[in-house]
Amino acid sequence: AENVLGKPALADMDLGLSTAPILYAAQEYKELRPLVMRRFKEKGDKQTALEMLYSDPKAMNKAKALALYHAEKAVAAILRLPQSEARDSLVRLTHAVITRKK
């Protein structure tokens, strides 16, 4: 899970948070919605949510596309700033966040 998501898979769910991949999976699997609404508090909720997520490749692809969209918008806004090392660092940071593996 960590290799696919770039962080421990249950970290957000342990906090009761639903990330974009989970929300996209919930569009496909209606039975995931109650788990999201109760913030993964019942026994087995997290594992069930992960199984549904991994069985829906579209969810991860949509989440990646969403992240890329926002990264492109961020870079476009950053590039309106005067050229500087700080501006270039922000562009590199945006790229690093999108291309990270872990």
N, C-alpha and C. Protein backbone atom coordinates (compact mmCIF):
# COMPACT_ATOMS: atom_id res chain seq x y z
N ALA A 1 0.82 -1.20 0.00
CA ALA A 1 0.00 0.00 0.00
C ALA A 1 0.86 1.25 0.00
N GLU A 2 1.88 1.25 0.83
CA GLU A 2 2.74 2.43 0.92
C GLU A 2 3.43 2.71 -0.40
N ASN A 3 3.80 1.66 -1.13
CA ASN A 3 4.46 1.83 -2.43
C ASN A 3 3.54 2.48 -3.45
N VAL A 4 2.26 2.18 -3.38
CA VAL A 4 1.29 2.73 -4.34
C VAL A 4 0.89 4.14 -3.96
N LEU A 5 0.63 4.37 -2.68
CA LEU A 5 0.08 5.65 -2.24
C LEU A 5 1.14 6.68 -1.86
N GLY A 6 2.37 6.20 -1.58
CA GLY A 6 3.43 7.13 -1.21
C GLY A 6 3.47 7.43 0.28
N LYS A 7 2.61 6.78 1.05
CA LYS A 7 2.59 6.95 2.51
C LYS A 7 1.85 5.75 3.07
N PRO A 8 1.95 5.52 4.37
CA PRO A 8 1.20 4.39 4.93
C PRO A 8 -0.29 4.49 4.60
N ALA A 9 -0.84 3.42 4.09
CA ALA A 9 -2.21 3.45 3.58
C ALA A 9 -3.25 3.82 4.62
N LEU A 10 -3.03 3.44 5.84
CA LEU A 10 -4.04 3.68 6.86
C LEU A 10 -3.86 4.99 7.61
N ALA A 11 -2.82 5.74 7.30
CA ALA A 11 -2.53 6.96 8.05
C ALA A 11 -3.71 7.93 8.03
N ASP A 12 -4.25 8.21 6.86
CA ASP A 12 -5.38 9.14 6.77
C ASP A 12 -6.64 8.53 7.38
N MET A 13 -6.88 7.26 7.09
CA MET A 13 -8.07 6.61 7.63
C MET A 13 -8.01 6.51 9.15
N ASP A 14 -6.81 6.34 9.71
CA ASP A 14 -6.67 6.32 11.17
C ASP A 14 -7.16 7.63 11.77
N LEU A 15 -7.04 8.71 11.01
CA LEU A 15 -7.51 10.03 11.45
C LEU A 15 -8.97 10.28 11.05
N GLY A 16 -9.58 9.31 10.38
CA GLY A 16 -10.96 9.47 9.93
C GLY A 16 -11.09 10.29 8.66
N LEU A 17 -9.98 10.44 7.94
CA LEU A 17 -9.98 11.27 6.73
C LEU A 17 -10.16 10.43 5.47
N SER A 18 -10.91 10.96 4.54
CA SER A 18 -11.08 10.33 3.24
C SER A 18 -10.31 11.13 2.21
N THR A 19 -9.41 10.47 1.53
CA THR A 19 -8.60 11.12 0.50
C THR A 19 -9.28 10.96 -0.86
N ALA A 20 -8.75 11.64 -1.85
CA ALA A 20 -9.34 11.58 -3.19
C ALA A 20 -9.49 10.15 -3.71
N PRO A 21 -8.48 9.28 -3.58
CA PRO A 21 -8.68 7.91 -4.09
C PRO A 21 -9.86 7.20 -3.44
N ILE A 22 -10.01 7.38 -2.14
CA ILE A 22 -11.14 6.73 -1.44
C ILE A 22 -12.46 7.33 -1.92
N LEU A 23 -12.51 8.64 -2.07
CA LEU A 23 -13.76 9.27 -2.52
C LEU A 23 -14.11 8.85 -3.94
N TYR A 24 -13.10 8.73 -4.80
CA TYR A 24 -13.37 8.24 -6.16
C TYR A 24 -13.83 6.78 -6.14
N ALA A 25 -13.23 5.96 -5.29
CA ALA A 25 -13.67 4.57 -5.17
C ALA A 25 -15.10 4.50 -4.67
N ALA A 26 -15.48 5.42 -3.78
CA ALA A 26 -16.85 5.44 -3.26
C ALA A 26 -17.87 5.78 -4.34
N GLN A 27 -17.43 6.44 -5.40
CA GLN A 27 -18.34 6.67 -6.53
C GLN A 27 -18.68 5.36 -7.23
N GLU A 28 -17.71 4.46 -7.27
CA GLU A 28 -17.90 3.17 -7.93
C GLU A 28 -18.57 2.15 -7.00
N TYR A 29 -18.17 2.16 -5.73
CA TYR A 29 -18.67 1.19 -4.76
C TYR A 29 -19.54 1.91 -3.73
N LYS A 30 -20.83 1.85 -3.93
CA LYS A 30 -21.77 2.55 -3.05
C LYS A 30 -21.66 2.06 -1.61
N GLU A 31 -21.27 0.80 -1.42
CA GLU A 31 -21.15 0.26 -0.07
C GLU A 31 -19.97 0.86 0.70
N LEU A 32 -19.11 1.58 0.01
CA LEU A 32 -18.00 2.27 0.68
C LEU A 32 -18.46 3.57 1.35
N ARG A 33 -19.54 4.13 0.88
CA ARG A 33 -20.01 5.41 1.41
C ARG A 33 -20.30 5.41 2.91
N PRO A 34 -20.98 4.38 3.44
CA PRO A 34 -21.21 4.40 4.89
C PRO A 34 -19.90 4.36 5.70
N LEU A 35 -18.88 3.67 5.20
CA LEU A 35 -17.59 3.62 5.88
C LEU A 35 -16.97 5.01 5.92
N VAL A 36 -17.07 5.73 4.80
CA VAL A 36 -16.56 7.09 4.74
C VAL A 36 -17.31 7.98 5.71
N MET A 37 -18.64 7.85 5.72
CA MET A 37 -19.46 8.71 6.58
C MET A 37 -19.18 8.47 8.06
N ARG A 38 -18.88 7.24 8.44
CA ARG A 38 -18.59 6.97 9.85
C ARG A 38 -17.09 7.08 10.15
N ARG A 39 -16.34 7.55 9.17
CA ARG A 39 -14.92 7.86 9.32
C ARG A 39 -14.08 6.64 9.69
N PHE A 40 -14.48 5.48 9.12
CA PHE A 40 -13.71 4.24 9.26
C PHE A 40 -13.54 3.82 10.72
N LYS A 41 -14.56 4.05 11.53
CA LYS A 41 -14.47 3.80 12.97
C LYS A 41 -14.81 2.37 13.37
N GLU A 42 -15.54 1.64 12.54
CA GLU A 42 -15.92 0.27 12.91
C GLU A 42 -14.83 -0.71 12.51
N LYS A 43 -14.77 -1.80 13.24
CA LYS A 43 -13.77 -2.83 12.97
C LYS A 43 -13.92 -3.33 11.53
N GLY A 44 -12.80 -3.38 10.83
CA GLY A 44 -12.79 -3.87 9.46
C GLY A 44 -13.03 -2.80 8.41
N ASP A 45 -13.43 -1.60 8.81
CA ASP A 45 -13.72 -0.53 7.85
C ASP A 45 -12.50 -0.18 7.00
N LYS A 46 -11.37 -0.04 7.64
CA LYS A 46 -10.16 0.37 6.91
C LYS A 46 -9.75 -0.68 5.89
N GLN A 47 -9.75 -1.93 6.31
CA GLN A 47 -9.35 -3.01 5.41
C GLN A 47 -10.34 -3.13 4.25
N THR A 48 -11.62 -3.02 4.53
CA THR A 48 -12.64 -3.09 3.48
C THR A 48 -12.45 -1.95 2.49
N ALA A 49 -12.21 -0.75 3.01
CA ALA A 49 -12.01 0.41 2.14
C ALA A 49 -10.79 0.21 1.24
N LEU A 50 -9.71 -0.30 1.81
CA LEU A 50 -8.51 -0.53 1.00
C LEU A 50 -8.75 -1.58 -0.08
N GLU A 51 -9.46 -2.63 0.25
CA GLU A 51 -9.76 -3.67 -0.73
C GLU A 51 -10.58 -3.09 -1.88
N MET A 52 -11.55 -2.26 -1.57
CA MET A 52 -12.36 -1.63 -2.62
C MET A 52 -11.51 -0.68 -3.46
N LEU A 53 -10.64 0.06 -2.79
CA LEU A 53 -9.77 0.98 -3.50
C LEU A 53 -8.88 0.23 -4.48
N TYR A 54 -8.27 -0.85 -4.01
CA TYR A 54 -7.34 -1.59 -4.87
C TYR A 54 -8.05 -2.34 -5.99
N SER A 55 -9.34 -2.59 -5.85
CA SER A 55 -10.07 -3.28 -6.91
C SER A 55 -10.65 -2.29 -7.93
N ASP A 56 -10.40 -1.00 -7.74
CA ASP A 56 -10.88 0.02 -8.66
C ASP A 56 -9.71 0.85 -9.18
N PRO A 57 -9.04 0.40 -10.25
CA PRO A 57 -7.88 1.15 -10.75
C PRO A 57 -8.23 2.56 -11.21
N LYS A 58 -9.47 2.80 -11.57
CA LYS A 58 -9.87 4.15 -12.01
C LYS A 58 -9.74 5.16 -10.88
N ALA A 59 -9.96 4.73 -9.64
CA ALA A 59 -9.91 5.66 -8.50
C ALA A 59 -8.53 6.27 -8.36
N MET A 60 -7.49 5.46 -8.41
CA MET A 60 -6.12 5.98 -8.29
C MET A 60 -5.77 6.84 -9.49
N ASN A 61 -6.19 6.42 -10.67
CA ASN A 61 -5.90 7.22 -11.87
C ASN A 61 -6.57 8.58 -11.82
N LYS A 62 -7.81 8.62 -11.35
CA LYS A 62 -8.51 9.90 -11.22
C LYS A 62 -7.84 10.79 -10.18
N ALA A 63 -7.41 10.19 -9.07
CA ALA A 63 -6.74 10.96 -8.02
C ALA A 63 -5.41 11.53 -8.53
N LYS A 64 -4.68 10.73 -9.29
CA LYS A 64 -3.42 11.21 -9.87
C LYS A 64 -3.68 12.35 -10.85
N ALA A 65 -4.72 12.21 -11.65
CA ALA A 65 -5.07 13.26 -12.61
C ALA A 65 -5.46 14.55 -11.88
N LEU A 66 -6.18 14.41 -10.79
CA LEU A 66 -6.57 15.58 -9.99
C LEU A 66 -5.34 16.28 -9.41
N ALA A 67 -4.40 15.49 -8.89
CA ALA A 67 -3.18 16.06 -8.33
C ALA A 67 -2.37 16.76 -9.42
N LEU A 68 -2.28 16.15 -10.58
CA LEU A 68 -1.55 16.76 -11.69
C LEU A 68 -2.20 18.06 -12.14
N TYR A 69 -3.51 18.08 -12.21
CA TYR A 69 -4.24 19.29 -12.58
C TYR A 69 -3.89 20.44 -11.63
N HIS A 70 -3.96 20.16 -10.34
CA HIS A 70 -3.68 21.21 -9.35
C HIS A 70 -2.21 21.61 -9.36
N ALA A 71 -1.32 20.66 -9.61
CA ALA A 71 0.10 20.98 -9.70
C ALA A 71 0.37 21.90 -10.89
N GLU A 72 -0.28 21.62 -12.01
CA GLU A 72 -0.11 22.48 -13.19
C GLU A 72 -0.62 23.89 -12.92
N LYS A 73 -1.75 23.98 -12.24
CA LYS A 73 -2.29 25.30 -11.88
C LYS A 73 -1.34 26.02 -10.93
N ALA A 74 -0.76 25.28 -9.99
CA ALA A 74 0.18 25.88 -9.04
C ALA A 74 1.41 26.42 -9.77
N VAL A 75 1.96 25.62 -10.68
CA VAL A 75 3.14 26.06 -11.42
C VAL A 75 2.82 27.29 -12.26
N ALA A 76 1.67 27.30 -12.89
CA ALA A 76 1.28 28.47 -13.69
C ALA A 76 1.23 29.72 -12.81
N ALA A 77 0.70 29.60 -11.61
CA ALA A 77 0.63 30.74 -10.69
C ALA A 77 2.02 31.14 -10.22
N ILE A 78 2.85 30.16 -9.91
CA ILE A 78 4.22 30.43 -9.44
C ILE A 78 5.02 31.15 -10.52
N LEU A 79 4.84 30.75 -11.76
CA LEU A 79 5.62 31.34 -12.85
C LEU A 79 5.26 32.80 -13.12
N ARG A 80 4.18 33.27 -12.54
CA ARG A 80 3.84 34.70 -12.66
C ARG A 80 4.68 35.56 -11.71
N LEU A 81 5.33 34.91 -10.76
CA LEU A 81 6.21 35.63 -9.84
C LEU A 81 7.50 36.01 -10.56
N PRO A 82 8.18 37.05 -10.09
CA PRO A 82 9.48 37.40 -10.68
C PRO A 82 10.45 36.23 -10.55
N GLN A 83 11.27 36.06 -11.56
CA GLN A 83 12.24 34.96 -11.55
C GLN A 83 13.17 35.12 -10.35
N SER A 84 13.33 34.02 -9.62
CA SER A 84 14.22 34.01 -8.46
C SER A 84 14.51 32.56 -8.11
N GLU A 85 15.48 32.37 -7.24
CA GLU A 85 15.79 31.01 -6.78
C GLU A 85 14.60 30.44 -6.00
N ALA A 86 13.93 31.30 -5.25
CA ALA A 86 12.77 30.85 -4.48
C ALA A 86 11.66 30.36 -5.41
N ARG A 87 11.39 31.11 -6.47
CA ARG A 87 10.36 30.70 -7.44
C ARG A 87 10.73 29.37 -8.07
N ASP A 88 12.00 29.23 -8.48
CA ASP A 88 12.44 27.99 -9.10
C ASP A 88 12.34 26.81 -8.12
N SER A 89 12.61 27.08 -6.86
CA SER A 89 12.49 26.04 -5.83
C SER A 89 11.04 25.59 -5.68
N LEU A 90 10.11 26.51 -5.74
CA LEU A 90 8.69 26.16 -5.65
C LEU A 90 8.26 25.30 -6.83
N VAL A 91 8.75 25.61 -8.01
CA VAL A 91 8.43 24.80 -9.19
C VAL A 91 9.01 23.39 -9.01
N ARG A 92 10.25 23.30 -8.55
CA ARG A 92 10.87 21.98 -8.32
C ARG A 92 10.11 21.21 -7.25
N LEU A 93 9.69 21.89 -6.20
CA LEU A 93 8.93 21.24 -5.14
C LEU A 93 7.62 20.66 -5.67
N THR A 94 6.94 21.44 -6.48
CA THR A 94 5.69 20.97 -7.08
C THR A 94 5.93 19.71 -7.90
N HIS A 95 6.99 19.73 -8.69
CA HIS A 95 7.34 18.55 -9.50
C HIS A 95 7.66 17.36 -8.59
N ALA A 96 8.41 17.60 -7.52
CA ALA A 96 8.79 16.51 -6.62
C ALA A 96 7.57 15.88 -5.96
N VAL A 97 6.60 16.68 -5.60
CA VAL A 97 5.40 16.17 -4.95
C VAL A 97 4.62 15.27 -5.91
N ILE A 98 4.53 15.67 -7.15
CA ILE A 98 3.76 14.90 -8.15
C ILE A 98 4.47 13.61 -8.55
N THR A 99 5.79 13.64 -8.60
CA THR A 99 6.53 12.47 -9.08
C THR A 99 7.05 11.58 -7.98
N ARG A 100 6.76 11.89 -6.73
CA ARG A 100 7.29 11.10 -5.63
C ARG A 100 6.76 9.66 -5.70
N LYS A 101 7.58 8.77 -5.24
CA LYS A 101 7.18 7.36 -5.15
C LYS A 101 6.87 6.98 -3.71
N LYS A 102 7.47 7.67 -2.77
CA LYS A 102 7.22 7.41 -1.34
C LYS A 102 7.14 8.72 -0.61
